[in-house]
């Protein structure tokens, strides 16, 4: 909700906390959800490259366990994607997203630590 209100600081803080909890469970799906949340917070401040990278990592995590993006979350991911594509362009977004997908474990491990 903080993201939808445009409150970057609250959105980032809540998603970082969610990321900590998700990491402790060892479950890829909550971790992917947290990365998608951080991507939304990144998009709020124009960090489209970071948003694309985090979305790619979330996609890689989901793919690693055969989990599809739930319909209830699809709108958020599509909104964040559209925002990042508008800044980066489709090709640069796709390249960065793919990098995130291919490196999802490393990104999931470090996400949140260098994001305010």
Protein backbone atom coordinates (compact mmCIF):
# COMPACT_ATOMS: atom_id res chain seq x y z
CA UNK A 1 0.00 0.00 0.00
CA UNK A 2 2.84 2.40 0.76
CA UNK A 3 4.08 2.00 -2.80
CA UNK A 4 0.65 2.82 -4.23
CA UNK A 5 0.56 5.95 -2.07
CA UNK A 6 3.97 6.95 -3.46
CA UNK A 7 5.69 6.52 -0.10
CA UNK A 8 9.04 5.11 -1.20
CA UNK A 9 10.67 5.03 2.23
CA UNK A 10 7.87 3.08 3.89
CA UNK A 11 7.51 0.75 0.91
CA UNK A 12 11.23 0.00 0.82
CA UNK A 13 11.42 -0.53 4.59
CA UNK A 14 8.44 -2.88 4.64
CA UNK A 15 9.68 -4.90 1.69
CA UNK A 16 13.19 -5.13 3.19
CA UNK A 17 11.60 -6.52 6.37
CA UNK A 18 9.52 -8.92 4.31
CA UNK A 19 12.68 -9.98 2.50
CA UNK A 20 14.38 -10.79 5.83
CA UNK A 21 11.42 -12.94 6.86
CA UNK A 22 11.23 -14.62 3.46
CA UNK A 23 14.93 -15.46 3.57
CA UNK A 24 14.45 -17.11 6.96
CA UNK A 25 11.78 -19.43 5.56
CA UNK A 26 13.91 -20.66 2.69
CA UNK A 27 10.81 -20.61 0.48
CA UNK A 28 11.27 -19.18 -3.02
CA UNK A 29 7.73 -17.85 -3.44
CA UNK A 30 7.72 -15.39 -0.51
CA UNK A 31 11.23 -14.37 -1.49
CA UNK A 32 10.03 -13.64 -5.04
CA UNK A 33 7.13 -11.60 -3.66
CA UNK A 34 9.55 -9.54 -1.57
CA UNK A 35 11.80 -8.92 -4.57
CA UNK A 36 8.79 -7.78 -6.58
CA UNK A 37 7.88 -5.40 -3.75
CA UNK A 38 11.39 -3.96 -3.72
CA UNK A 39 11.15 -3.59 -7.49
CA UNK A 40 8.05 -1.47 -6.98
CA UNK A 41 9.84 0.71 -4.46
CA UNK A 42 12.75 1.09 -6.88
CA UNK A 43 10.41 2.10 -9.68
CA UNK A 44 8.95 4.82 -7.45
CA UNK A 45 12.28 6.65 -7.39
CA UNK A 46 13.09 6.07 -11.05
CA UNK A 47 15.56 3.22 -10.46
CA UNK A 48 14.17 1.35 -13.45
CA UNK A 49 17.29 -0.75 -13.94
CA UNK A 50 17.08 -2.00 -10.36
CA UNK A 51 13.36 -2.67 -10.75
CA UNK A 52 13.98 -4.73 -13.90
CA UNK A 53 16.79 -6.67 -12.21
CA UNK A 54 14.65 -7.48 -9.16
CA UNK A 55 11.68 -8.49 -11.31
CA UNK A 56 13.97 -10.81 -13.26
CA UNK A 57 15.32 -12.34 -10.07
CA UNK A 58 11.78 -12.91 -8.79
CA UNK A 59 10.89 -14.56 -12.08
CA UNK A 60 13.96 -16.78 -11.82
CA UNK A 61 13.04 -17.81 -8.29
CA UNK A 62 9.51 -18.68 -9.29
CA UNK A 63 10.77 -20.60 -12.30
CA UNK A 64 13.23 -22.57 -10.19
CA UNK A 65 10.34 -24.24 -8.37
CA UNK A 66 7.79 -24.21 -11.18
CA UNK A 67 5.63 -21.58 -9.46
CA UNK A 68 3.63 -19.23 -11.64
CA UNK A 69 3.01 -15.62 -10.77
CA UNK A 70 -0.35 -15.62 -8.94
CA UNK A 71 -3.11 -13.74 -10.73
CA UNK A 72 -3.62 -11.59 -7.62
CA UNK A 73 -0.06 -10.26 -7.96
CA UNK A 74 0.04 -9.97 -11.74
CA UNK A 75 -1.31 -6.40 -11.77
CA UNK A 76 1.47 -5.15 -9.50
CA UNK A 77 4.18 -6.82 -11.57
CA UNK A 78 2.69 -5.50 -14.81
CA UNK A 79 2.50 -1.95 -13.38
CA UNK A 80 6.14 -2.09 -12.22
CA UNK A 81 7.21 -3.57 -15.55
CA UNK A 82 5.43 -0.83 -17.50
CA UNK A 83 7.09 1.83 -15.36
CA UNK A 84 10.56 0.34 -15.90
CA UNK A 85 10.01 -0.17 -19.63
CA UNK A 86 8.92 3.47 -19.96
CA UNK A 87 12.28 4.58 -18.56
CA UNK A 88 14.63 1.96 -20.00
CA UNK A 89 12.95 1.00 -23.24
CA UNK A 90 11.84 -2.53 -24.05
CA UNK A 91 15.26 -3.89 -25.12
CA UNK A 92 17.21 -2.58 -22.13
CA UNK A 93 14.47 -3.76 -19.79
CA UNK A 94 14.54 -7.24 -21.33
CA UNK A 95 18.34 -7.42 -21.07
CA UNK A 96 18.35 -6.36 -17.42
CA UNK A 97 15.40 -8.62 -16.57
CA UNK A 98 17.22 -11.57 -18.15
CA UNK A 99 20.34 -10.78 -16.14
CA UNK A 100 18.19 -10.88 -13.01
CA UNK A 101 16.61 -14.17 -14.06
CA UNK A 102 20.00 -15.75 -14.73
CA UNK A 103 21.49 -14.53 -11.44
CA UNK A 104 18.48 -14.82 -9.15
CA UNK A 105 20.29 -16.50 -6.25
CA UNK A 106 22.98 -13.82 -5.99
CA UNK A 107 20.45 -11.02 -6.36
CA UNK A 108 18.09 -12.52 -3.79
CA UNK A 109 20.99 -12.79 -1.36
CA UNK A 110 22.06 -9.16 -1.69
CA UNK A 111 18.75 -7.42 -2.44
CA UNK A 112 17.78 -4.93 0.20
CA UNK A 113 21.28 -4.46 1.56
CA UNK A 114 22.14 -1.59 -0.78
CA UNK A 115 18.71 -0.15 -1.31
CA UNK A 116 17.24 2.74 0.60
